[in-house]
Amino acid sequence: MRLRAHQVARFVNQHAPDVLCLQEIKCQAAEFPTEAFAEAGLPHLRISGQKGWHGVAIASRLPIEDAPVLVLCREGHARCVSAIIAGVEIQNFYVPAGGDVPDRSLNPKFDHKLDFLERLTGQMRRRDRRSPLIIAGDLNVAPGENDVWNHRFMSKVVSHTPLEVAAIEAVRDSLGFIDLARVATPEPTRLFSWWSYRAVDFRLSNRGLRLDHIWISPGLESASSRHGAPPARVHDEVRGWDRPSDHAPVSADLFL
């Protein structure tokens, strides 16, 4: 985050978001560039930081109130941060990547990832579907066949294996969450938010994954369908900026 505060300011200047959910900030709260965010018009912050690793934050133009803090990471990593903004609860996550071997018994990192998602499912099943709730972040799972560049190949690779897809679908089904990006861009159109640094030209190779998500509870459905505009989009142009993140921003419009 400290290296890319200027890119955040550029994005905010172009698109004027009211709220930003950030993942992998890789700094502690005291090291977060708060002044740069205040100058960009996002002075209200909730930060869950960790030295050199992980970390999530929510930045807002509007005042922030406290929201329920979810305990989902058995390793104690900074992977969850929450806020209530304009009466809407926001839960921002950085789900564990899961390592390389898609086997719970052989790979503790993969087991950790599935455990995180299972805990989230359990938490959401106790919620009221009518309550206004947003889940956002790097969920590190590409759930659909058209959320990966090659379904058959990627089904054996961590991020799109059947176990992960089942786990993320359980989260979505737990509260009837609405996947705004897929409302805006229905299947079978391919849609990605992440492209590896290995490709010299990410657009030409286009071996992407849709790992970044914004979901809303049924209680917010009417807020996403006003004015007839697409409710969400992937800003893939940001992936083409100088020294970008390998993730592109995903945005959603809600009219409260």
Protein backbone atom coordinates (compact mmCIF):
# COMPACT_ATOMS: atom_id res chain seq x y z
CA MET A 1 0.00 0.00 0.00
CA ARG A 2 2.81 2.38 0.81
CA LEU A 3 4.25 1.89 -2.69
CA ARG A 4 0.91 2.36 -4.46
CA ALA A 5 -0.79 5.20 -2.58
CA HIS A 6 -0.32 7.37 -5.69
CA GLN A 7 -2.17 4.80 -7.79
CA VAL A 8 -5.03 4.82 -5.30
CA ALA A 9 -5.14 8.62 -5.57
CA ARG A 10 -5.22 8.36 -9.37
CA PHE A 11 -8.08 5.87 -9.30
CA VAL A 12 -10.03 7.94 -6.78
CA ASN A 13 -9.53 11.08 -8.87
CA GLN A 14 -10.88 9.29 -11.97
CA HIS A 15 -13.82 7.43 -10.43
CA ALA A 16 -14.67 9.21 -7.14
CA PRO A 17 -15.64 6.14 -5.10
CA ASP A 18 -17.29 6.70 -1.73
CA VAL A 19 -15.70 3.59 -0.25
CA LEU A 20 -12.57 1.59 -1.04
CA CYS A 21 -11.89 -1.94 0.20
CA LEU A 22 -8.19 -2.80 0.07
CA GLN A 23 -6.41 -6.12 0.49
CA GLU A 24 -2.76 -7.10 0.96
CA ILE A 25 -1.82 -3.70 2.33
CA LYS A 26 1.29 -5.36 3.84
CA CYS A 27 1.79 -2.83 6.59
CA GLN A 28 0.78 -2.16 10.15
CA ALA A 29 -1.89 0.41 10.94
CA ALA A 30 0.69 2.98 12.10
CA GLU A 31 2.49 2.69 8.75
CA PHE A 32 -0.60 3.14 6.59
CA PRO A 33 -0.45 6.32 4.41
CA THR A 34 -3.41 8.02 6.10
CA GLU A 35 -2.48 11.51 4.92
CA ALA A 36 -2.53 10.45 1.28
CA PHE A 37 -6.01 9.02 1.73
CA ALA A 38 -7.24 12.15 3.49
CA GLU A 39 -5.92 14.25 0.61
CA ALA A 40 -7.75 11.98 -1.82
CA GLY A 41 -11.01 12.63 0.05
CA LEU A 42 -11.14 9.35 1.99
CA PRO A 43 -10.29 10.40 5.56
CA HIS A 44 -12.31 7.74 7.39
CA LEU A 45 -10.41 4.50 7.85
CA ARG A 46 -10.64 1.06 9.36
CA ILE A 47 -7.33 -0.81 9.19
CA SER A 48 -6.37 -4.33 10.14
CA GLY A 49 -2.65 -4.39 9.47
CA GLN A 50 0.18 -6.87 9.80
CA LYS A 51 3.92 -6.39 9.46
CA GLY A 52 5.02 -7.25 5.95
CA TRP A 53 2.12 -9.58 5.17
CA HIS A 54 -1.58 -9.69 4.45
CA GLY A 55 -3.58 -6.77 5.90
CA VAL A 56 -6.89 -5.22 4.87
CA ALA A 57 -8.42 -1.76 5.11
CA ILE A 58 -11.59 0.19 4.38
CA ALA A 59 -11.37 3.86 3.39
CA SER A 60 -14.43 6.10 3.11
CA ARG A 61 -15.61 9.60 2.27
CA LEU A 62 -18.41 9.10 4.78
CA PRO A 63 -18.15 8.51 8.53
CA ILE A 64 -17.58 4.95 9.66
CA GLU A 65 -19.29 3.15 12.50
CA ASP A 66 -18.17 -0.08 14.14
CA ALA A 67 -19.42 -3.34 12.64
CA PRO A 68 -19.23 -6.91 13.90
CA VAL A 69 -15.67 -8.21 13.81
CA LEU A 70 -15.56 -11.70 12.31
CA VAL A 71 -12.98 -14.15 13.63
CA LEU A 72 -12.31 -16.36 10.61
CA CYS A 73 -8.54 -16.85 10.37
CA ARG A 74 -7.28 -19.64 12.61
CA GLU A 75 -3.70 -18.41 12.10
CA GLY A 76 -4.50 -14.95 13.47
CA HIS A 77 -3.59 -13.16 10.24
CA ALA A 78 -4.96 -9.70 9.41
CA ARG A 79 -7.46 -10.89 6.80
CA CYS A 80 -10.77 -9.32 7.89
CA VAL A 81 -11.91 -5.76 8.48
CA SER A 82 -15.42 -4.41 8.90
CA ALA A 83 -17.35 -1.14 8.89
CA ILE A 84 -20.84 0.29 8.81
CA ILE A 85 -21.16 3.14 6.31
CA ALA A 86 -24.47 4.87 5.52
CA GLY A 87 -26.27 2.11 7.37
CA VAL A 88 -24.67 -0.69 5.35
CA GLU A 89 -22.37 -3.30 6.90
CA ILE A 90 -19.24 -4.00 4.87
CA GLN A 91 -17.03 -7.02 5.45
CA ASN A 92 -13.74 -6.88 3.55
CA PHE A 93 -11.66 -10.07 3.24
CA TYR A 94 -8.36 -11.35 2.01
CA VAL A 95 -8.95 -15.09 1.84
CA PRO A 96 -5.82 -17.27 2.11
CA ALA A 97 -4.40 -18.22 -1.29
CA GLY A 98 -4.05 -21.88 -0.38
CA GLY A 99 -0.57 -22.83 -1.57
CA ASP A 100 0.06 -25.12 -4.51
CA VAL A 101 -1.29 -28.57 -3.63
CA PRO A 102 -5.12 -28.87 -3.61
CA ASP A 103 -5.24 -31.50 -0.87
CA ARG A 104 -6.28 -30.69 2.70
CA SER A 105 -4.39 -33.61 4.18
CA LEU A 106 -1.12 -32.80 2.42
CA ASN A 107 -1.18 -29.00 2.36
CA PRO A 108 -1.93 -27.04 5.57
CA LYS A 109 -2.31 -23.82 3.54
CA PHE A 110 -5.08 -25.36 1.45
CA ASP A 111 -6.78 -26.65 4.58
CA HIS A 112 -6.49 -23.17 6.09
CA LYS A 113 -8.19 -21.65 3.05
CA LEU A 114 -11.12 -24.05 3.16
CA ASP A 115 -11.40 -23.62 6.92
CA PHE A 116 -11.60 -19.83 6.48
CA LEU A 117 -14.42 -20.17 3.95
CA GLU A 118 -16.24 -22.72 6.10
CA ARG A 119 -16.10 -20.39 9.09
CA LEU A 120 -17.44 -17.56 6.94
CA THR A 121 -20.30 -19.77 5.77
CA GLY A 122 -21.18 -20.59 9.37
CA GLN A 123 -21.19 -16.91 10.33
CA MET A 124 -23.39 -15.91 7.42
CA ARG A 125 -25.96 -18.64 8.02
CA ARG A 126 -26.83 -16.91 11.28
CA ARG A 127 -27.54 -13.59 9.56
CA ASP A 128 -30.84 -12.07 8.41
CA ARG A 129 -31.06 -11.96 4.60
CA ARG A 130 -32.98 -8.70 4.81
CA SER A 131 -30.11 -6.85 6.53
CA PRO A 132 -27.96 -4.64 4.25
CA LEU A 133 -24.60 -6.38 3.96
CA ILE A 134 -21.72 -6.27 1.48
CA ILE A 135 -18.99 -8.89 1.24
CA ALA A 136 -16.01 -7.66 -0.76
CA GLY A 137 -12.40 -8.47 -1.35
CA ASP A 138 -9.86 -10.86 -2.74
CA LEU A 139 -11.70 -14.11 -2.09
CA ASN A 140 -9.00 -16.02 -3.98
CA VAL A 141 -11.48 -18.30 -5.71
CA ALA A 142 -12.66 -18.07 -9.31
CA PRO A 143 -16.05 -19.76 -8.97
CA GLY A 144 -17.38 -20.19 -12.51
CA GLU A 145 -16.18 -21.90 -15.67
CA ASN A 146 -15.96 -18.50 -17.37
CA ASP A 147 -14.12 -16.92 -14.43
CA VAL A 148 -10.91 -18.66 -15.56
CA TRP A 149 -9.04 -18.70 -18.85
CA ASN A 150 -9.23 -22.51 -19.14
CA HIS A 151 -11.75 -24.38 -17.00
CA ARG A 152 -10.44 -27.89 -17.65
CA PHE A 153 -6.83 -26.97 -16.87
CA MET A 154 -7.61 -24.70 -13.92
CA SER A 155 -9.87 -27.29 -12.25
CA LYS A 156 -6.64 -28.93 -11.07
CA VAL A 157 -5.01 -25.68 -9.95
CA VAL A 158 -5.59 -23.98 -6.59
CA SER A 159 -8.10 -21.13 -7.04
CA HIS A 160 -10.57 -23.10 -9.19
CA THR A 161 -10.59 -26.67 -7.86
CA PRO A 162 -13.94 -28.35 -7.17
CA LEU A 163 -13.35 -28.17 -3.41
CA GLU A 164 -12.79 -24.40 -3.51
CA VAL A 165 -15.69 -23.79 -5.87
CA ALA A 166 -17.99 -25.77 -3.55
CA ALA A 167 -16.71 -23.81 -0.55
CA ILE A 168 -17.27 -20.40 -2.16
CA GLU A 169 -20.71 -21.45 -3.40
CA ALA A 170 -21.59 -22.46 0.16
CA VAL A 171 -20.69 -18.94 1.29
CA ARG A 172 -22.85 -17.40 -1.44
CA ASP A 173 -25.78 -19.71 -0.74
CA SER A 174 -25.56 -19.14 3.02
CA LEU A 175 -27.30 -15.77 2.74
CA GLY A 176 -28.38 -15.75 -0.89
CA PHE A 177 -25.63 -13.29 -1.82
CA ILE A 178 -25.86 -11.57 -5.21
CA ASP A 179 -22.65 -11.51 -7.26
CA LEU A 180 -22.81 -8.02 -8.76
CA ALA A 181 -20.11 -8.53 -11.36
CA ARG A 182 -22.00 -11.48 -12.81
CA VAL A 183 -25.26 -9.54 -12.77
CA ALA A 184 -23.54 -6.90 -14.88
CA THR A 185 -21.70 -9.39 -17.10
CA PRO A 186 -23.71 -12.60 -17.25
CA GLU A 187 -22.39 -16.02 -18.22
CA PRO A 188 -21.00 -17.22 -20.59
CA THR A 189 -18.93 -14.05 -21.07
CA ARG A 190 -15.47 -14.47 -19.62
CA LEU A 191 -14.62 -12.06 -16.82
CA PHE A 192 -11.30 -11.73 -14.99
CA SER A 193 -9.87 -9.45 -12.30
CA TRP A 194 -6.36 -10.94 -11.95
CA TRP A 195 -3.60 -11.56 -14.47
CA SER A 196 -0.17 -13.01 -13.73
CA TYR A 197 2.93 -10.84 -13.96
CA ARG A 198 4.54 -13.59 -16.07
CA ALA A 199 2.82 -12.40 -19.23
CA VAL A 200 4.55 -9.55 -21.04
CA ASP A 201 1.17 -8.39 -22.37
CA PHE A 202 -1.65 -9.44 -20.05
CA ARG A 203 -4.33 -8.52 -22.60
CA LEU A 204 -2.73 -10.54 -25.37
CA SER A 205 -2.32 -13.71 -23.31
CA ASN A 206 -5.50 -13.02 -21.27
CA ARG A 207 -4.86 -15.91 -18.92
CA GLY A 208 -6.85 -14.35 -16.16
CA LEU A 209 -8.91 -15.33 -13.12
CA ARG A 210 -11.84 -13.64 -11.40
CA LEU A 211 -10.64 -13.65 -7.80
CA ASP A 212 -12.02 -10.29 -6.62
CA HIS A 213 -15.67 -9.99 -5.73
CA ILE A 214 -18.41 -7.68 -4.48
CA TRP A 215 -21.47 -9.50 -3.20
CA ILE A 216 -24.57 -8.02 -1.62
CA SER A 217 -27.25 -9.51 0.58
CA PRO A 218 -30.85 -9.68 -0.74
CA GLY A 219 -31.59 -6.72 1.51
CA LEU A 220 -29.56 -4.52 -0.85
CA GLU A 221 -30.83 -5.87 -4.16
CA SER A 222 -33.06 -2.88 -4.85
CA ALA A 223 -30.11 -0.53 -4.25
CA SER A 224 -28.17 -2.18 -7.08
CA SER A 225 -30.85 -2.06 -9.76
CA ARG A 226 -31.84 1.60 -9.94
CA HIS A 227 -31.22 3.91 -12.89
CA GLY A 228 -30.72 0.98 -15.28
CA ALA A 229 -26.90 1.16 -15.13
CA PRO A 230 -24.69 -1.96 -14.86
CA PRO A 231 -24.23 -2.58 -11.13
CA ALA A 232 -20.53 -3.48 -11.28
CA ARG A 233 -17.43 -3.52 -13.47
CA VAL A 234 -13.79 -4.61 -13.53
CA HIS A 235 -11.39 -1.72 -14.19
CA ASP A 236 -8.92 -3.75 -16.24
CA GLU A 237 -7.30 -0.57 -17.57
CA VAL A 238 -5.66 -0.14 -14.15
CA ARG A 239 -3.83 -3.44 -14.67
CA GLY A 240 -2.07 -1.72 -17.57
CA TRP A 241 -0.69 1.15 -15.49
CA ASP A 242 3.02 1.43 -14.72
CA ARG A 243 4.08 -1.09 -12.04
CA PRO A 244 0.51 -2.17 -11.31
CA SER A 245 -0.91 -4.70 -8.91
CA ASP A 246 -1.69 -8.01 -10.58
CA HIS A 247 -5.29 -7.45 -9.42
CA ALA A 248 -7.55 -4.91 -11.14
CA PRO A 249 -10.10 -2.94 -9.08
CA VAL A 250 -13.71 -4.06 -9.10
CA SER A 251 -16.36 -1.42 -8.44
CA ALA A 252 -20.10 -1.46 -7.75
CA ASP A 253 -22.74 1.26 -7.70
CA LEU A 254 -25.33 1.15 -4.93
CA PHE A 255 -28.01 3.83 -4.62
CA LEU A 256 -29.05 4.04 -0.98
